[in-house]
Amino acid sequence: MEPLNWTRPSACADATNCPEVAITGDTVHIRSSLLPSSTAQLTLSEWRSLLAGVRNGEFDA
């Protein structure tokens, strides 16, 4: 597998506990900067659904 180009939100530029994302082809890889060896893989459709849910407050406590 090719090396992944991880990015994080600009709000987390200097933080140590941030979500990180790498997109390759049709796969979105996500991880926490605290556990970089633990990653999840989503399809682009799943990624779009996750982002829509976050924007719509579906995960707010």
N, C-alpha and C. Protein backbone atom coordinates (compact mmCIF):
# COMPACT_ATOMS: atom_id res chain seq x y z
N MET A 1 0.84 -1.18 0.00
CA MET A 1 0.00 0.00 0.00
C MET A 1 0.88 1.24 0.00
N GLU A 2 0.47 2.24 -0.76
CA GLU A 2 1.22 3.48 -0.84
C GLU A 2 1.10 4.25 0.47
N PRO A 3 2.09 5.08 0.79
CA PRO A 3 1.99 5.89 2.01
C PRO A 3 0.79 6.84 1.92
N LEU A 4 0.12 7.04 3.03
CA LEU A 4 -1.05 7.91 3.04
C LEU A 4 -0.65 9.34 3.41
N ASN A 5 -1.29 10.29 2.77
CA ASN A 5 -1.06 11.71 3.04
C ASN A 5 -2.14 12.19 4.02
N TRP A 6 -1.85 12.14 5.29
CA TRP A 6 -2.81 12.47 6.33
C TRP A 6 -2.95 13.98 6.47
N THR A 7 -4.19 14.44 6.60
CA THR A 7 -4.46 15.86 6.87
C THR A 7 -5.37 15.95 8.08
N ARG A 8 -5.35 17.10 8.71
CA ARG A 8 -6.19 17.33 9.88
C ARG A 8 -6.81 18.72 9.76
N PRO A 9 -7.90 18.96 10.49
CA PRO A 9 -8.55 20.27 10.42
C PRO A 9 -7.59 21.38 10.84
N SER A 10 -7.74 22.54 10.23
CA SER A 10 -6.86 23.66 10.57
C SER A 10 -6.99 24.06 12.04
N ALA A 11 -8.13 23.82 12.65
CA ALA A 11 -8.32 24.13 14.07
C ALA A 11 -7.45 23.26 14.97
N CYS A 12 -6.93 22.16 14.43
CA CYS A 12 -6.11 21.23 15.20
C CYS A 12 -4.62 21.35 14.87
N ALA A 13 -4.22 22.38 14.24
CA ALA A 13 -2.85 22.50 13.76
C ALA A 13 -1.80 22.20 14.84
N ASP A 14 -2.03 22.67 16.05
CA ASP A 14 -1.03 22.47 17.12
C ASP A 14 -1.51 21.55 18.23
N ALA A 15 -2.64 20.90 18.03
CA ALA A 15 -3.19 20.02 19.07
C ALA A 15 -2.66 18.60 18.90
N THR A 16 -2.86 17.78 19.94
CA THR A 16 -2.38 16.40 19.88
C THR A 16 -3.50 15.38 19.77
N ASN A 17 -4.76 15.81 19.90
CA ASN A 17 -5.89 14.89 19.83
C ASN A 17 -6.83 15.36 18.73
N CYS A 18 -6.55 14.94 17.51
CA CYS A 18 -7.29 15.44 16.36
C CYS A 18 -7.66 14.31 15.41
N PRO A 19 -8.77 14.50 14.69
CA PRO A 19 -9.07 13.54 13.63
C PRO A 19 -8.15 13.80 12.45
N GLU A 20 -7.77 12.75 11.75
CA GLU A 20 -6.92 12.87 10.56
C GLU A 20 -7.56 12.05 9.44
N VAL A 21 -7.44 12.56 8.22
CA VAL A 21 -8.08 11.95 7.06
C VAL A 21 -7.07 11.82 5.94
N ALA A 22 -7.14 10.71 5.21
CA ALA A 22 -6.35 10.51 3.99
C ALA A 22 -7.28 9.90 2.95
N ILE A 23 -7.29 10.48 1.76
CA ILE A 23 -8.16 9.99 0.69
C ILE A 23 -7.32 9.40 -0.43
N THR A 24 -7.64 8.16 -0.79
CA THR A 24 -6.95 7.49 -1.89
C THR A 24 -8.00 6.84 -2.78
N GLY A 25 -8.05 7.26 -4.02
CA GLY A 25 -9.01 6.66 -4.94
C GLY A 25 -10.42 6.75 -4.42
N ASP A 26 -11.05 5.60 -4.17
CA ASP A 26 -12.43 5.54 -3.69
C ASP A 26 -12.52 5.25 -2.19
N THR A 27 -11.42 5.43 -1.48
CA THR A 27 -11.39 5.10 -0.05
C THR A 27 -10.98 6.30 0.77
N VAL A 28 -11.68 6.52 1.88
CA VAL A 28 -11.32 7.56 2.84
C VAL A 28 -10.85 6.85 4.10
N HIS A 29 -9.64 7.15 4.52
CA HIS A 29 -9.06 6.57 5.73
C HIS A 29 -9.18 7.63 6.83
N ILE A 30 -9.64 7.22 8.01
CA ILE A 30 -9.73 8.15 9.13
C ILE A 30 -9.06 7.53 10.35
N ARG A 31 -8.51 8.42 11.18
CA ARG A 31 -7.86 7.96 12.41
C ARG A 31 -7.80 9.11 13.41
N SER A 32 -7.43 8.79 14.62
CA SER A 32 -7.17 9.79 15.66
C SER A 32 -5.66 9.99 15.74
N SER A 33 -5.24 11.21 15.93
CA SER A 33 -3.80 11.45 16.06
C SER A 33 -3.23 10.79 17.32
N LEU A 34 -4.08 10.45 18.28
CA LEU A 34 -3.62 9.76 19.49
C LEU A 34 -3.36 8.27 19.23
N LEU A 35 -4.04 7.70 18.24
CA LEU A 35 -3.89 6.27 17.91
C LEU A 35 -3.67 6.12 16.41
N PRO A 36 -2.54 6.58 15.91
CA PRO A 36 -2.33 6.58 14.46
C PRO A 36 -2.29 5.21 13.81
N SER A 37 -2.08 4.16 14.59
CA SER A 37 -2.05 2.82 13.99
C SER A 37 -3.45 2.22 13.85
N SER A 38 -4.45 2.85 14.46
CA SER A 38 -5.83 2.37 14.36
C SER A 38 -6.59 3.24 13.37
N THR A 39 -6.92 2.66 12.22
CA THR A 39 -7.60 3.43 11.19
C THR A 39 -8.91 2.75 10.79
N ALA A 40 -9.79 3.54 10.27
CA ALA A 40 -11.04 3.04 9.69
C ALA A 40 -11.04 3.43 8.21
N GLN A 41 -11.69 2.62 7.42
CA GLN A 41 -11.79 2.91 5.99
C GLN A 41 -13.26 3.03 5.62
N LEU A 42 -13.58 4.09 4.88
CA LEU A 42 -14.93 4.34 4.42
C LEU A 42 -14.93 4.51 2.91
N THR A 43 -16.05 4.16 2.29
CA THR A 43 -16.20 4.50 0.87
C THR A 43 -16.50 6.00 0.79
N LEU A 44 -16.40 6.56 -0.40
CA LEU A 44 -16.72 7.97 -0.55
C LEU A 44 -18.17 8.25 -0.17
N SER A 45 -19.07 7.34 -0.49
CA SER A 45 -20.48 7.49 -0.12
C SER A 45 -20.66 7.48 1.39
N GLU A 46 -19.99 6.57 2.07
CA GLU A 46 -20.06 6.52 3.53
C GLU A 46 -19.48 7.78 4.15
N TRP A 47 -18.39 8.28 3.59
CA TRP A 47 -17.75 9.50 4.08
C TRP A 47 -18.71 10.69 3.95
N ARG A 48 -19.36 10.81 2.79
CA ARG A 48 -20.31 11.90 2.57
C ARG A 48 -21.48 11.81 3.56
N SER A 49 -21.94 10.60 3.82
CA SER A 49 -23.04 10.41 4.78
C SER A 49 -22.60 10.78 6.19
N LEU A 50 -21.38 10.42 6.56
CA LEU A 50 -20.85 10.77 7.88
C LEU A 50 -20.77 12.29 8.02
N LEU A 51 -20.21 12.96 7.02
CA LEU A 51 -20.10 14.42 7.09
C LEU A 51 -21.47 15.09 7.16
N ALA A 52 -22.43 14.58 6.39
CA ALA A 52 -23.78 15.16 6.44
C ALA A 52 -24.38 14.97 7.83
N GLY A 53 -24.17 13.82 8.45
CA GLY A 53 -24.67 13.58 9.80
C GLY A 53 -24.05 14.52 10.81
N VAL A 54 -22.75 14.75 10.70
CA VAL A 54 -22.06 15.68 11.61
C VAL A 54 -22.62 17.08 11.43
N ARG A 55 -22.75 17.52 10.19
CA ARG A 55 -23.26 18.87 9.91
C ARG A 55 -24.69 19.04 10.39
N ASN A 56 -25.49 17.98 10.33
CA ASN A 56 -26.89 18.05 10.74
C ASN A 56 -27.11 17.79 12.22
N GLY A 57 -26.04 17.58 12.98
CA GLY A 57 -26.15 17.40 14.42
C GLY A 57 -26.60 16.03 14.86
N GLU A 58 -26.53 15.03 13.98
CA GLU A 58 -26.99 13.71 14.33
C GLU A 58 -26.19 13.05 15.45
N PHE A 59 -24.99 13.53 15.72
CA PHE A 59 -24.13 12.91 16.72
C PHE A 59 -23.98 13.78 17.97
N ASP A 60 -24.73 14.88 18.02
CA ASP A 60 -24.66 15.75 19.18
C ASP A 60 -25.29 15.04 20.39
N ALA A 61 -24.67 15.19 21.51
CA ALA A 61 -25.19 14.54 22.73
C ALA A 61 -26.31 15.33 23.35
